[in-house]
């Protein structure tokens, strides 16, 4: 069975004063999901977004809202993001001691559960939860800031996670975030990823949002889907 390639447009680098307009433009350009990077200034050295923004955007679009929690103790915020209308909620393996319970709670709240790994965290860290996640979120930069350079050594981790998913019989999809562009997305796709979070490549593309989305789609069209 083939895996659809999904583009999740991250608003980390977008103009939030025009977020309604930009969501509509991104949707018209053909993005699949809208992505939110939520940061607390502790787990990562930056602060951004929150449930109120997600709730506002839920009223603008019917696209899935893809929320990445870069927070300490994320279990405290699950209900807030469920109430805000999040469809996917991803937490970090490094962010708290009760990962299994947190992931189960996300699913019980009716959202897809994702587990994220920082560049320095090995694939084996998610072995015990691979059966209960819908998404495995591989950070291809160190989290906290947009516009960083893709870390090519993370491709080996993507391949290792692809093997772990296949060997375990999990139906989880691999999502990548960080330095994703028309140059790097095909590399991640060839390694086994099928969901691509992009910010600069979409919202700062010289030909505008549609040009950025089209460039990503064109680059990914050269990669065979996983069978």
N, C-alpha and C. Protein backbone atom coordinates (compact mmCIF):
# COMPACT_ATOMS: atom_id res chain seq x y z
N UNK A 1 0.86 -1.20 0.00
CA UNK A 1 0.00 0.00 0.00
C UNK A 1 0.89 1.24 0.00
N UNK A 2 0.66 2.20 -0.91
CA UNK A 2 1.51 3.38 -1.02
C UNK A 2 1.18 4.39 0.07
N UNK A 3 2.18 5.21 0.40
CA UNK A 3 1.99 6.27 1.37
C UNK A 3 1.88 7.60 0.65
N UNK A 4 0.84 8.33 0.93
CA UNK A 4 0.69 9.66 0.36
C UNK A 4 1.74 10.58 0.95
N UNK A 5 2.31 11.43 0.11
CA UNK A 5 3.25 12.44 0.57
C UNK A 5 2.47 13.68 0.99
N UNK A 6 2.68 14.09 2.23
CA UNK A 6 1.91 15.17 2.83
C UNK A 6 2.83 16.36 3.09
N UNK A 7 2.39 17.54 2.70
CA UNK A 7 3.10 18.78 3.00
C UNK A 7 2.34 19.51 4.11
N UNK A 8 3.05 19.75 5.20
CA UNK A 8 2.48 20.44 6.36
C UNK A 8 3.14 21.82 6.44
N UNK A 9 2.35 22.86 6.21
CA UNK A 9 2.89 24.22 6.14
C UNK A 9 3.04 24.82 7.53
N UNK A 10 4.29 25.10 7.92
CA UNK A 10 4.58 25.64 9.24
C UNK A 10 4.53 27.16 9.23
N UNK A 11 3.81 27.73 10.19
CA UNK A 11 3.68 29.18 10.28
C UNK A 11 4.74 29.81 11.17
N UNK A 12 5.80 29.07 11.49
CA UNK A 12 6.83 29.60 12.38
C UNK A 12 7.49 30.84 11.79
N UNK A 13 7.61 30.88 10.47
CA UNK A 13 8.30 31.99 9.82
C UNK A 13 7.32 32.89 9.04
N UNK A 14 6.05 32.59 9.14
CA UNK A 14 5.04 33.35 8.39
C UNK A 14 4.70 34.65 9.11
N UNK A 15 4.02 35.54 8.42
CA UNK A 15 3.56 36.80 8.98
C UNK A 15 2.25 36.56 9.71
N UNK A 16 2.31 36.48 11.04
CA UNK A 16 1.12 36.14 11.81
C UNK A 16 0.09 37.27 11.83
N UNK A 17 0.46 38.47 11.41
CA UNK A 17 -0.53 39.54 11.31
C UNK A 17 -1.48 39.30 10.14
N UNK A 18 -1.09 38.37 9.23
CA UNK A 18 -1.91 38.05 8.06
C UNK A 18 -2.25 36.56 8.05
N UNK A 19 -2.36 35.96 9.23
CA UNK A 19 -2.43 34.50 9.27
C UNK A 19 -3.68 33.96 8.56
N UNK A 20 -4.80 34.63 8.68
CA UNK A 20 -6.00 34.16 8.00
C UNK A 20 -5.81 34.13 6.50
N UNK A 21 -5.30 35.22 5.98
CA UNK A 21 -5.04 35.32 4.54
C UNK A 21 -4.02 34.28 4.09
N UNK A 22 -2.99 34.08 4.90
CA UNK A 22 -1.92 33.16 4.50
C UNK A 22 -2.38 31.71 4.57
N UNK A 23 -3.21 31.37 5.54
CA UNK A 23 -3.78 30.02 5.59
C UNK A 23 -4.62 29.76 4.35
N UNK A 24 -5.44 30.73 3.98
CA UNK A 24 -6.27 30.56 2.79
C UNK A 24 -5.42 30.41 1.54
N UNK A 25 -4.33 31.18 1.47
CA UNK A 25 -3.44 31.08 0.31
C UNK A 25 -2.72 29.73 0.27
N UNK A 26 -2.26 29.27 1.45
CA UNK A 26 -1.58 27.98 1.53
C UNK A 26 -2.54 26.84 1.17
N UNK A 27 -3.78 26.95 1.64
CA UNK A 27 -4.79 25.94 1.32
C UNK A 27 -5.06 25.92 -0.18
N UNK A 28 -5.18 27.09 -0.79
CA UNK A 28 -5.42 27.17 -2.22
C UNK A 28 -4.24 26.63 -3.02
N UNK A 29 -3.04 26.74 -2.45
CA UNK A 29 -1.83 26.24 -3.12
C UNK A 29 -1.69 24.73 -3.02
N UNK A 30 -2.50 24.10 -2.15
CA UNK A 30 -2.51 22.65 -2.10
C UNK A 30 -1.78 22.01 -0.95
N UNK A 31 -1.49 22.77 0.13
CA UNK A 31 -0.88 22.11 1.29
C UNK A 31 -1.91 21.16 1.90
N UNK A 32 -1.41 20.16 2.60
CA UNK A 32 -2.29 19.14 3.16
C UNK A 32 -2.65 19.41 4.61
N UNK A 33 -1.70 19.92 5.38
CA UNK A 33 -1.90 20.21 6.80
C UNK A 33 -1.38 21.60 7.11
N UNK A 34 -1.86 22.17 8.21
CA UNK A 34 -1.33 23.41 8.76
C UNK A 34 -0.58 23.07 10.05
N UNK A 35 0.66 23.52 10.13
CA UNK A 35 1.55 23.11 11.22
C UNK A 35 1.80 24.26 12.20
N UNK A 36 1.78 23.92 13.49
CA UNK A 36 2.04 24.89 14.55
C UNK A 36 3.18 24.38 15.44
N UNK A 37 4.18 25.23 15.63
CA UNK A 37 5.29 24.93 16.54
C UNK A 37 5.05 25.67 17.84
N UNK A 38 4.78 24.93 18.90
CA UNK A 38 4.47 25.52 20.20
C UNK A 38 5.71 25.39 21.08
N UNK A 39 6.23 26.52 21.55
CA UNK A 39 7.49 26.53 22.32
C UNK A 39 7.30 27.28 23.62
N UNK A 40 7.95 26.77 24.67
CA UNK A 40 7.74 27.34 26.00
C UNK A 40 8.92 28.14 26.54
N UNK A 41 10.02 28.24 25.80
CA UNK A 41 11.18 28.96 26.29
C UNK A 41 12.02 28.18 27.28
N UNK A 42 11.61 26.94 27.57
CA UNK A 42 12.37 26.07 28.48
C UNK A 42 12.90 24.85 27.75
N UNK A 43 11.99 24.11 27.15
CA UNK A 43 12.43 22.93 26.40
C UNK A 43 13.27 23.34 25.19
N UNK A 44 12.92 24.47 24.58
CA UNK A 44 13.71 25.06 23.51
C UNK A 44 13.91 26.54 23.83
N UNK A 45 14.98 27.15 23.31
CA UNK A 45 15.27 28.55 23.66
C UNK A 45 14.49 29.56 22.83
N UNK A 46 13.18 29.39 22.79
CA UNK A 46 12.33 30.32 22.04
C UNK A 46 10.91 30.15 22.56
N UNK A 47 10.05 31.10 22.28
CA UNK A 47 8.65 31.01 22.66
C UNK A 47 7.79 31.29 21.43
N UNK A 48 6.75 30.50 21.23
CA UNK A 48 5.90 30.71 20.07
C UNK A 48 4.58 29.98 20.22
N UNK A 49 3.52 30.63 19.79
CA UNK A 49 2.19 30.05 19.57
C UNK A 49 1.57 29.48 20.85
N UNK A 50 0.37 28.97 20.71
CA UNK A 50 -0.36 28.44 21.84
C UNK A 50 -1.74 28.01 21.41
N UNK A 51 -2.55 27.49 22.34
CA UNK A 51 -3.87 26.96 21.97
C UNK A 51 -4.82 28.02 21.42
N UNK A 52 -4.68 29.28 21.85
CA UNK A 52 -5.59 30.31 21.34
C UNK A 52 -5.41 30.51 19.84
N UNK A 53 -4.16 30.47 19.36
CA UNK A 53 -3.91 30.61 17.93
C UNK A 53 -4.47 29.42 17.17
N UNK A 54 -4.27 28.22 17.71
CA UNK A 54 -4.80 27.02 17.07
C UNK A 54 -6.32 27.11 16.97
N UNK A 55 -6.95 27.55 18.05
CA UNK A 55 -8.42 27.68 18.06
C UNK A 55 -8.89 28.68 17.01
N UNK A 56 -8.17 29.80 16.87
CA UNK A 56 -8.54 30.80 15.86
C UNK A 56 -8.42 30.23 14.46
N UNK A 57 -7.36 29.48 14.23
CA UNK A 57 -7.15 28.92 12.90
C UNK A 57 -8.13 27.80 12.58
N UNK A 58 -8.61 27.13 13.61
CA UNK A 58 -9.62 26.09 13.40
C UNK A 58 -10.87 26.69 12.76
N UNK A 59 -11.15 27.94 13.07
CA UNK A 59 -12.34 28.58 12.51
C UNK A 59 -12.13 29.02 11.06
N UNK A 60 -10.88 29.02 10.60
CA UNK A 60 -10.56 29.50 9.27
C UNK A 60 -10.50 28.39 8.24
N UNK A 61 -10.06 27.19 8.67
CA UNK A 61 -9.78 26.12 7.71
C UNK A 61 -10.29 24.78 8.22
N UNK A 62 -10.60 23.91 7.26
CA UNK A 62 -10.95 22.53 7.59
C UNK A 62 -9.77 21.59 7.44
N UNK A 63 -8.62 22.11 7.03
CA UNK A 63 -7.44 21.25 6.92
C UNK A 63 -7.02 20.74 8.30
N UNK A 64 -6.41 19.56 8.36
CA UNK A 64 -5.91 19.06 9.65
C UNK A 64 -4.91 20.04 10.26
N UNK A 65 -5.04 20.27 11.56
CA UNK A 65 -4.12 21.13 12.30
C UNK A 65 -3.11 20.24 13.02
N UNK A 66 -1.87 20.43 12.66
CA UNK A 66 -0.74 19.57 13.03
C UNK A 66 0.09 20.32 14.07
N UNK A 67 0.00 19.93 15.35
CA UNK A 67 0.59 20.70 16.44
C UNK A 67 1.78 19.94 17.05
N UNK A 68 2.90 20.63 17.10
CA UNK A 68 4.15 20.08 17.62
C UNK A 68 4.47 20.79 18.93
N UNK A 69 4.38 20.07 20.04
CA UNK A 69 4.63 20.64 21.35
C UNK A 69 6.11 20.52 21.71
N UNK A 70 6.80 21.64 21.76
CA UNK A 70 8.17 21.69 22.25
C UNK A 70 8.13 22.30 23.64
N UNK A 71 7.61 21.49 24.56
CA UNK A 71 7.31 21.94 25.92
C UNK A 71 7.82 20.94 26.94
N UNK A 72 8.22 21.45 28.10
CA UNK A 72 8.40 20.57 29.25
C UNK A 72 7.02 20.15 29.76
N UNK A 73 6.93 18.93 30.25
CA UNK A 73 5.68 18.41 30.83
C UNK A 73 4.47 18.65 29.92
N UNK A 74 4.53 18.16 28.70
CA UNK A 74 3.44 18.44 27.74
C UNK A 74 2.10 17.88 28.16
N UNK A 75 2.09 16.89 29.04
CA UNK A 75 0.83 16.28 29.45
C UNK A 75 -0.12 17.30 30.08
N UNK A 76 0.39 18.41 30.58
CA UNK A 76 -0.44 19.44 31.19
C UNK A 76 -1.29 20.20 30.17
N UNK A 77 -0.93 20.09 28.89
CA UNK A 77 -1.55 20.93 27.87
C UNK A 77 -2.38 20.15 26.85
N UNK A 78 -2.49 18.85 27.01
CA UNK A 78 -3.17 18.04 25.99
C UNK A 78 -4.62 18.44 25.82
N UNK A 79 -5.34 18.58 26.91
CA UNK A 79 -6.76 18.92 26.83
C UNK A 79 -6.97 20.27 26.17
N UNK A 80 -6.08 21.24 26.46
CA UNK A 80 -6.22 22.58 25.88
C UNK A 80 -6.13 22.53 24.36
N UNK A 81 -5.20 21.74 23.84
CA UNK A 81 -5.05 21.67 22.39
C UNK A 81 -6.15 20.82 21.76
N UNK A 82 -6.62 19.82 22.48
CA UNK A 82 -7.78 19.07 21.98
C UNK A 82 -8.99 19.99 21.87
N UNK A 83 -9.22 20.79 22.89
CA UNK A 83 -10.34 21.72 22.88
C UNK A 83 -10.19 22.78 21.79
N UNK A 84 -8.94 23.13 21.48
CA UNK A 84 -8.68 24.15 20.46
C UNK A 84 -8.91 23.64 19.04
N UNK A 85 -8.99 22.32 18.88
CA UNK A 85 -9.28 21.75 17.57
C UNK A 85 -8.11 21.10 16.88
N UNK A 86 -7.04 20.80 17.60
CA UNK A 86 -5.90 20.12 16.99
C UNK A 86 -6.31 18.73 16.52
N UNK A 87 -5.78 18.33 15.37
CA UNK A 87 -6.01 16.98 14.85
C UNK A 87 -4.85 16.05 15.18
N UNK A 88 -3.63 16.58 15.12
CA UNK A 88 -2.42 15.83 15.45
C UNK A 88 -1.73 16.53 16.61
N UNK A 89 -1.25 15.77 17.57
CA UNK A 89 -0.50 16.37 18.68
C UNK A 89 0.76 15.53 18.89
N UNK A 90 1.91 16.19 18.71
CA UNK A 90 3.20 15.51 18.83
C UNK A 90 3.94 16.03 20.04
N UNK A 91 4.48 15.09 20.83
CA UNK A 91 5.28 15.42 22.01
C UNK A 91 6.67 14.81 21.84
N UNK A 92 7.62 15.36 22.57
CA UNK A 92 9.01 14.89 22.46
C UNK A 92 9.29 13.76 23.44
N UNK A 93 10.06 12.80 22.97
CA UNK A 93 10.52 11.72 23.84
C UNK A 93 11.37 12.28 24.97
N UNK A 94 12.03 13.42 24.75
CA UNK A 94 12.93 14.00 25.75
C UNK A 94 12.21 14.89 26.77
N UNK A 95 10.90 15.14 26.58
CA UNK A 95 10.23 16.20 27.33
C UNK A 95 9.61 15.78 28.65
N UNK A 96 9.49 14.52 28.92
CA UNK A 96 8.85 14.11 30.16
C UNK A 96 9.05 12.63 30.44
N UNK A 97 8.85 12.20 31.68
CA UNK A 97 9.15 10.82 32.05
C UNK A 97 8.05 9.81 31.71
N UNK A 98 6.86 10.27 31.34
CA UNK A 98 5.72 9.35 31.18
C UNK A 98 5.21 9.37 29.74
N UNK A 99 6.10 9.07 28.80
CA UNK A 99 5.78 9.17 27.39
C UNK A 99 4.62 8.25 27.00
N UNK A 100 4.64 7.01 27.45
CA UNK A 100 3.61 6.04 27.10
C UNK A 100 2.23 6.56 27.52
N UNK A 101 2.13 7.03 28.74
CA UNK A 101 0.85 7.54 29.25
C UNK A 101 0.41 8.79 28.48
N UNK A 102 1.35 9.67 28.17
CA UNK A 102 1.01 10.89 27.45
C UNK A 102 0.48 10.58 26.05
N UNK A 103 1.13 9.66 25.35
CA UNK A 103 0.69 9.30 24.01
C UNK A 103 -0.69 8.65 24.03
N UNK A 104 -0.92 7.78 25.00
CA UNK A 104 -2.25 7.18 25.12
C UNK A 104 -3.31 8.23 25.42
N UNK A 105 -2.95 9.22 26.22
CA UNK A 105 -3.91 10.29 26.54
C UNK A 105 -4.28 11.09 25.31
N UNK A 106 -3.29 11.36 24.44
CA UNK A 106 -3.55 12.09 23.20
C UNK A 106 -4.57 11.33 22.35
N UNK A 107 -4.39 10.04 22.24
CA UNK A 107 -5.30 9.23 21.42
C UNK A 107 -6.69 9.17 22.06
N UNK A 108 -6.74 9.09 23.37
CA UNK A 108 -8.03 9.06 24.06
C UNK A 108 -8.80 10.36 23.87
N UNK A 109 -8.08 11.45 23.63
CA UNK A 109 -8.72 12.75 23.38
C UNK A 109 -9.14 12.91 21.92
N UNK A 110 -8.91 11.88 21.12
CA UNK A 110 -9.38 11.88 19.75
C UNK A 110 -8.43 12.46 18.72
N UNK A 111 -7.17 12.64 19.10
CA UNK A 111 -6.18 13.18 18.19
C UNK A 111 -5.19 12.10 17.77
N UNK A 112 -4.54 12.31 16.61
CA UNK A 112 -3.42 11.46 16.24
C UNK A 112 -2.26 11.78 17.16
N UNK A 113 -1.57 10.72 17.61
CA UNK A 113 -0.46 10.90 18.54
C UNK A 113 0.87 10.80 17.81
N UNK A 114 1.72 11.81 18.04
CA UNK A 114 3.05 11.79 17.45
C UNK A 114 4.12 11.83 18.52
N UNK A 115 5.25 11.20 18.21
CA UNK A 115 6.41 11.27 19.09
C UNK A 115 7.58 11.85 18.31
N UNK A 116 8.23 12.85 18.89
CA UNK A 116 9.32 13.56 18.21
C UNK A 116 10.66 13.21 18.85
N UNK A 117 11.70 13.21 18.00
CA UNK A 117 13.06 12.97 18.46
C UNK A 117 13.96 14.10 17.99
N UNK A 118 14.74 14.66 18.91
CA UNK A 118 15.75 15.65 18.56
C UNK A 118 16.89 14.98 17.80
N UNK A 119 17.73 15.77 17.11
CA UNK A 119 18.81 15.17 16.34
C UNK A 119 19.75 14.27 17.14
N UNK A 120 19.96 14.58 18.42
CA UNK A 120 20.87 13.77 19.23
C UNK A 120 20.24 12.56 19.88
N UNK A 121 18.95 12.32 19.65
CA UNK A 121 18.25 11.19 20.26
C UNK A 121 18.18 10.03 19.28
N UNK A 122 18.61 8.83 19.67
CA UNK A 122 18.62 7.70 18.74
C UNK A 122 17.24 7.13 18.48
N UNK A 123 17.11 6.45 17.37
CA UNK A 123 15.83 5.85 16.98
C UNK A 123 15.32 4.86 18.02
N UNK A 124 16.22 4.16 18.70
CA UNK A 124 15.79 3.13 19.65
C UNK A 124 15.01 3.70 20.82
N UNK A 125 15.06 5.03 21.01
CA UNK A 125 14.35 5.65 22.13
C UNK A 125 12.84 5.50 22.03
N UNK A 126 12.33 5.20 20.82
CA UNK A 126 10.87 5.08 20.67
C UNK A 126 10.42 3.63 20.49
N UNK A 127 11.32 2.69 20.70
CA UNK A 127 10.98 1.28 20.49
C UNK A 127 9.75 0.85 21.28
N UNK A 128 9.66 1.30 22.52
CA UNK A 128 8.58 0.84 23.41
C UNK A 128 7.24 1.52 23.14
N UNK A 129 7.22 2.55 22.30
CA UNK A 129 5.95 3.23 22.03
C UNK A 129 5.56 3.19 20.56
N UNK A 130 6.33 2.51 19.74
CA UNK A 130 6.07 2.53 18.30
C UNK A 130 4.68 1.97 17.97
N UNK A 131 4.17 1.09 18.81
CA UNK A 131 2.88 0.47 18.52
C UNK A 131 1.69 1.38 18.82
N UNK A 132 1.91 2.50 19.53
CA UNK A 132 0.79 3.36 19.91
C UNK A 132 0.88 4.75 19.31
N UNK A 133 1.80 4.96 18.36
CA UNK A 133 1.90 6.28 17.74
C UNK A 133 1.41 6.23 16.30
N UNK A 134 0.90 7.35 15.86
CA UNK A 134 0.48 7.52 14.48
C UNK A 134 1.56 8.21 13.65
N UNK A 135 2.39 9.02 14.32
CA UNK A 135 3.43 9.79 13.65
C UNK A 135 4.74 9.66 14.42
N UNK A 136 5.83 9.50 13.69
CA UNK A 136 7.17 9.62 14.28
C UNK A 136 7.81 10.84 13.65
N UNK A 137 8.10 11.81 14.48
CA UNK A 137 8.50 13.15 14.04
C UNK A 137 10.01 13.29 14.23
N UNK A 138 10.75 13.26 13.13
CA UNK A 138 12.20 13.34 13.19
C UNK A 138 12.63 14.79 12.99
N UNK A 139 13.24 15.38 14.01
CA UNK A 139 13.78 16.72 13.86
C UNK A 139 15.07 16.64 13.06
N UNK A 140 15.10 17.36 11.94
CA UNK A 140 16.28 17.36 11.09
C UNK A 140 17.11 18.62 11.28
N UNK A 141 16.74 19.41 12.31
CA UNK A 141 17.57 20.47 12.87
C UNK A 141 17.35 20.41 14.38
N UNK A 142 18.16 21.14 15.13
CA UNK A 142 17.90 21.27 16.55
C UNK A 142 16.72 22.24 16.72
N UNK A 143 15.71 21.86 17.48
CA UNK A 143 14.47 22.64 17.51
C UNK A 143 14.63 23.99 18.19
N UNK A 144 13.78 24.94 17.78
CA UNK A 144 13.74 26.24 18.43
C UNK A 144 13.69 27.41 17.49
N UNK A 145 14.28 27.28 16.30
CA UNK A 145 14.34 28.41 15.38
C UNK A 145 14.16 27.95 13.95
N UNK A 146 13.50 28.77 13.16
CA UNK A 146 13.32 28.49 11.74
C UNK A 146 14.57 28.89 10.97
N UNK A 147 14.68 28.36 9.75
CA UNK A 147 15.75 28.76 8.85
C UNK A 147 17.08 28.08 9.05
N UNK A 148 17.12 26.98 9.84
CA UNK A 148 18.37 26.27 10.07
C UNK A 148 18.69 25.32 8.91
N UNK A 149 19.94 24.87 8.89
CA UNK A 149 20.41 23.98 7.83
C UNK A 149 20.10 22.53 8.18
N UNK A 150 19.54 21.82 7.24
CA UNK A 150 19.21 20.40 7.36
C UNK A 150 20.45 19.60 7.78
N UNK A 151 20.29 18.75 8.81
CA UNK A 151 21.39 17.90 9.30
C UNK A 151 21.32 16.57 8.56
N UNK A 152 22.24 16.35 7.64
CA UNK A 152 22.15 15.18 6.77
C UNK A 152 22.32 13.86 7.52
N UNK A 153 23.00 13.87 8.67
CA UNK A 153 23.16 12.62 9.42
C UNK A 153 21.84 12.10 9.96
N UNK A 154 20.79 12.94 10.00
CA UNK A 154 19.49 12.46 10.46
C UNK A 154 18.85 11.52 9.44
N UNK A 155 19.37 11.48 8.23
CA UNK A 155 18.83 10.55 7.24
C UNK A 155 19.02 9.10 7.70
N UNK A 156 20.13 8.81 8.37
CA UNK A 156 20.34 7.47 8.89
C UNK A 156 19.29 7.12 9.94
N UNK A 157 18.90 8.12 10.75
CA UNK A 157 17.86 7.89 11.75
C UNK A 157 16.51 7.60 11.09
N UNK A 158 16.22 8.35 10.03
CA UNK A 158 14.96 8.10 9.31
C UNK A 158 14.94 6.68 8.79
N UNK A 159 16.03 6.22 8.23
CA UNK A 159 16.10 4.84 7.72
C UNK A 159 15.92 3.84 8.86
N UNK A 160 16.54 4.11 10.01
CA UNK A 160 16.41 3.20 11.15
C UNK A 160 14.97 3.15 11.65
N UNK A 161 14.30 4.29 11.67
CA UNK A 161 12.90 4.32 12.09
C UNK A 161 12.02 3.62 11.07
N UNK A 162 12.31 3.80 9.79
CA UNK A 162 11.56 3.08 8.75
C UNK A 162 11.66 1.57 8.99
N UNK A 163 12.86 1.08 9.31
CA UNK A 163 13.04 -0.34 9.59
C UNK A 163 12.26 -0.75 10.84
N UNK A 164 12.31 0.11 11.88
CA UNK A 164 11.59 -0.20 13.12
C UNK A 164 10.09 -0.29 12.87
N UNK A 165 9.55 0.62 12.10
CA UNK A 165 8.12 0.60 11.77
C UNK A 165 7.77 -0.67 11.01
N UNK A 166 8.57 -0.99 9.99
CA UNK A 166 8.29 -2.17 9.17
C UNK A 166 8.39 -3.45 9.98
N UNK A 167 9.42 -3.54 10.82
CA UNK A 167 9.64 -4.76 11.61
C UNK A 167 8.57 -4.96 12.68
N UNK A 168 8.03 -3.86 13.21
CA UNK A 168 7.05 -3.96 14.29
C UNK A 168 5.63 -4.10 13.79
N UNK A 169 5.42 -3.85 12.50
CA UNK A 169 4.06 -3.87 11.96
C UNK A 169 3.28 -2.61 12.27
N UNK A 170 3.95 -1.58 12.77
CA UNK A 170 3.29 -0.31 13.06
C UNK A 170 2.81 0.34 11.78
N UNK A 171 1.77 1.15 11.89
CA UNK A 171 1.26 1.92 10.74
C UNK A 171 1.65 3.39 10.85
N UNK A 172 2.60 3.70 11.73
CA UNK A 172 3.04 5.07 11.92
C UNK A 172 3.69 5.63 10.65
N UNK A 173 3.49 6.93 10.44
CA UNK A 173 4.11 7.65 9.33
C UNK A 173 5.30 8.45 9.87
N UNK A 174 6.31 8.62 9.04
CA UNK A 174 7.48 9.40 9.44
C UNK A 174 7.33 10.83 8.94
N UNK A 175 7.44 11.76 9.86
CA UNK A 175 7.33 13.18 9.59
C UNK A 175 8.69 13.83 9.84
N UNK A 176 9.09 14.75 8.97
CA UNK A 176 10.39 15.42 9.14
C UNK A 176 10.18 16.93 9.19
N UNK A 177 11.03 17.58 9.99
CA UNK A 177 10.90 19.02 10.20
C UNK A 177 12.28 19.62 10.44
N UNK A 178 12.61 20.64 9.63
CA UNK A 178 13.86 21.36 9.83
C UNK A 178 14.69 21.41 8.56
N UNK A 179 14.78 22.59 7.97
CA UNK A 179 15.55 22.72 6.75
C UNK A 179 14.95 21.99 5.57
N UNK A 180 13.64 21.76 5.59
CA UNK A 180 12.99 21.01 4.51
C UNK A 180 12.76 21.95 3.32
N UNK A 181 13.27 21.55 2.16
CA UNK A 181 13.18 22.35 0.94
C UNK A 181 13.07 21.40 -0.24
N UNK A 182 13.01 21.96 -1.44
CA UNK A 182 12.96 21.11 -2.63
C UNK A 182 14.26 20.32 -2.81
N UNK A 183 15.33 20.72 -2.14
CA UNK A 183 16.59 19.96 -2.19
C UNK A 183 16.64 18.84 -1.16
N UNK A 184 16.13 19.10 0.03
CA UNK A 184 16.26 18.13 1.12
C UNK A 184 15.06 17.20 1.25
N UNK A 185 13.87 17.65 0.86
CA UNK A 185 12.69 16.79 0.98
C UNK A 185 12.86 15.47 0.24
N UNK A 186 13.40 15.45 -1.00
CA UNK A 186 13.58 14.16 -1.66
C UNK A 186 14.54 13.22 -0.94
N UNK A 187 15.55 13.79 -0.26
CA UNK A 187 16.47 12.95 0.51
C UNK A 187 15.74 12.27 1.67
N UNK A 188 14.91 13.04 2.37
CA UNK A 188 14.13 12.48 3.48
C UNK A 188 13.12 11.47 2.97
N UNK A 189 12.51 11.76 1.81
CA UNK A 189 11.53 10.83 1.24
C UNK A 189 12.20 9.51 0.86
N UNK A 190 13.36 9.58 0.26
CA UNK A 190 14.07 8.37 -0.12
C UNK A 190 14.47 7.54 1.09
N UNK A 191 14.68 8.20 2.24
CA UNK A 191 15.03 7.49 3.47
C UNK A 191 13.82 6.88 4.16
N UNK A 192 12.60 7.33 3.79
CA UNK A 192 11.40 6.72 4.36
C UNK A 192 10.37 7.66 4.91
N UNK A 193 10.61 8.97 4.83
CA UNK A 193 9.62 9.94 5.33
C UNK A 193 8.50 10.14 4.31
N UNK A 194 7.31 10.48 4.82
CA UNK A 194 6.19 10.77 3.93
C UNK A 194 5.44 12.05 4.28
N UNK A 195 5.84 12.71 5.38
CA UNK A 195 5.22 13.96 5.80
C UNK A 195 6.32 14.99 5.98
N UNK A 196 6.15 16.15 5.34
CA UNK A 196 7.22 17.13 5.24
C UNK A 196 6.74 18.48 5.77
N UNK A 197 7.33 18.92 6.88
CA UNK A 197 7.00 20.22 7.45
C UNK A 197 7.93 21.25 6.83
N UNK A 198 7.36 22.29 6.26
CA UNK A 198 8.17 23.33 5.62
C UNK A 198 7.63 24.70 5.99
N UNK A 199 8.54 25.61 6.27
CA UNK A 199 8.16 26.99 6.57
C UNK A 199 8.81 27.94 5.58
N UNK A 200 10.13 28.10 5.67
CA UNK A 200 10.83 29.03 4.78
C UNK A 200 10.61 28.67 3.31
N UNK A 201 10.62 27.35 3.01
CA UNK A 201 10.48 26.91 1.61
C UNK A 201 9.13 27.27 1.02
N UNK A 202 8.14 27.52 1.89
CA UNK A 202 6.80 27.92 1.43
C UNK A 202 6.60 29.43 1.57
N UNK A 203 6.82 29.96 2.77
CA UNK A 203 6.43 31.34 3.04
C UNK A 203 7.48 32.37 2.65
N UNK A 204 8.69 31.93 2.33
CA UNK A 204 9.73 32.85 1.85
C UNK A 204 10.20 32.48 0.45
N UNK A 205 9.42 31.70 -0.25
CA UNK A 205 9.82 31.32 -1.62
C UNK A 205 9.74 32.55 -2.52
N UNK A 206 10.73 32.74 -3.42
CA UNK A 206 10.72 33.93 -4.27
C UNK A 206 9.51 34.04 -5.18
N UNK A 207 8.84 32.93 -5.45
CA UNK A 207 7.65 32.96 -6.30
C UNK A 207 6.36 32.87 -5.48
N UNK A 208 6.46 33.14 -4.19
CA UNK A 208 5.28 33.15 -3.35
C UNK A 208 4.91 31.77 -2.81
N UNK A 209 3.82 31.73 -2.06
CA UNK A 209 3.39 30.50 -1.39
C UNK A 209 3.12 29.39 -2.39
N UNK A 210 2.36 29.70 -3.44
CA UNK A 210 2.06 28.66 -4.43
C UNK A 210 3.34 28.16 -5.09
N UNK A 211 4.27 29.07 -5.39
CA UNK A 211 5.53 28.65 -5.98
C UNK A 211 6.31 27.73 -5.07
N UNK A 212 6.29 28.02 -3.76
CA UNK A 212 6.98 27.16 -2.81
C UNK A 212 6.38 25.77 -2.72
N UNK A 213 5.04 25.72 -2.65
CA UNK A 213 4.36 24.42 -2.58
C UNK A 213 4.59 23.63 -3.86
N UNK A 214 4.49 24.30 -5.00
CA UNK A 214 4.70 23.62 -6.28
C UNK A 214 6.11 23.06 -6.38
N UNK A 215 7.11 23.81 -5.89
CA UNK A 215 8.49 23.35 -5.95
C UNK A 215 8.69 22.11 -5.08
N UNK A 216 8.08 22.09 -3.91
CA UNK A 216 8.16 20.91 -3.05
C UNK A 216 7.49 19.71 -3.71
N UNK A 217 6.30 19.92 -4.24
CA UNK A 217 5.58 18.82 -4.90
C UNK A 217 6.41 18.26 -6.06
N UNK A 218 6.98 19.15 -6.84
CA UNK A 218 7.76 18.70 -8.00
C UNK A 218 8.97 17.89 -7.55
N UNK A 219 9.63 18.32 -6.49
CA UNK A 219 10.81 17.58 -6.02
C UNK A 219 10.42 16.21 -5.49
N UNK A 220 9.28 16.14 -4.82
CA UNK A 220 8.84 14.87 -4.24
C UNK A 220 8.28 13.91 -5.29
N UNK A 221 7.85 14.46 -6.41
CA UNK A 221 7.28 13.59 -7.46
C UNK A 221 8.33 12.68 -8.08
N UNK A 222 9.58 12.98 -7.84
CA UNK A 222 10.66 12.15 -8.39
C UNK A 222 10.97 10.96 -7.51
N UNK A 223 10.36 10.91 -6.33
CA UNK A 223 10.65 9.84 -5.35
C UNK A 223 9.54 8.81 -5.41
N UNK A 224 9.86 7.52 -5.62
CA UNK A 224 8.82 6.50 -5.62
C UNK A 224 8.16 6.40 -4.25
N UNK A 225 6.84 6.20 -4.22
CA UNK A 225 6.15 5.97 -2.96
C UNK A 225 6.52 4.61 -2.41
N UNK A 226 6.43 4.51 -1.06
CA UNK A 226 6.75 3.25 -0.39
C UNK A 226 5.65 2.23 -0.66
N UNK A 227 6.03 1.02 -0.99
CA UNK A 227 5.04 -0.04 -1.24
C UNK A 227 5.04 -1.03 -0.07
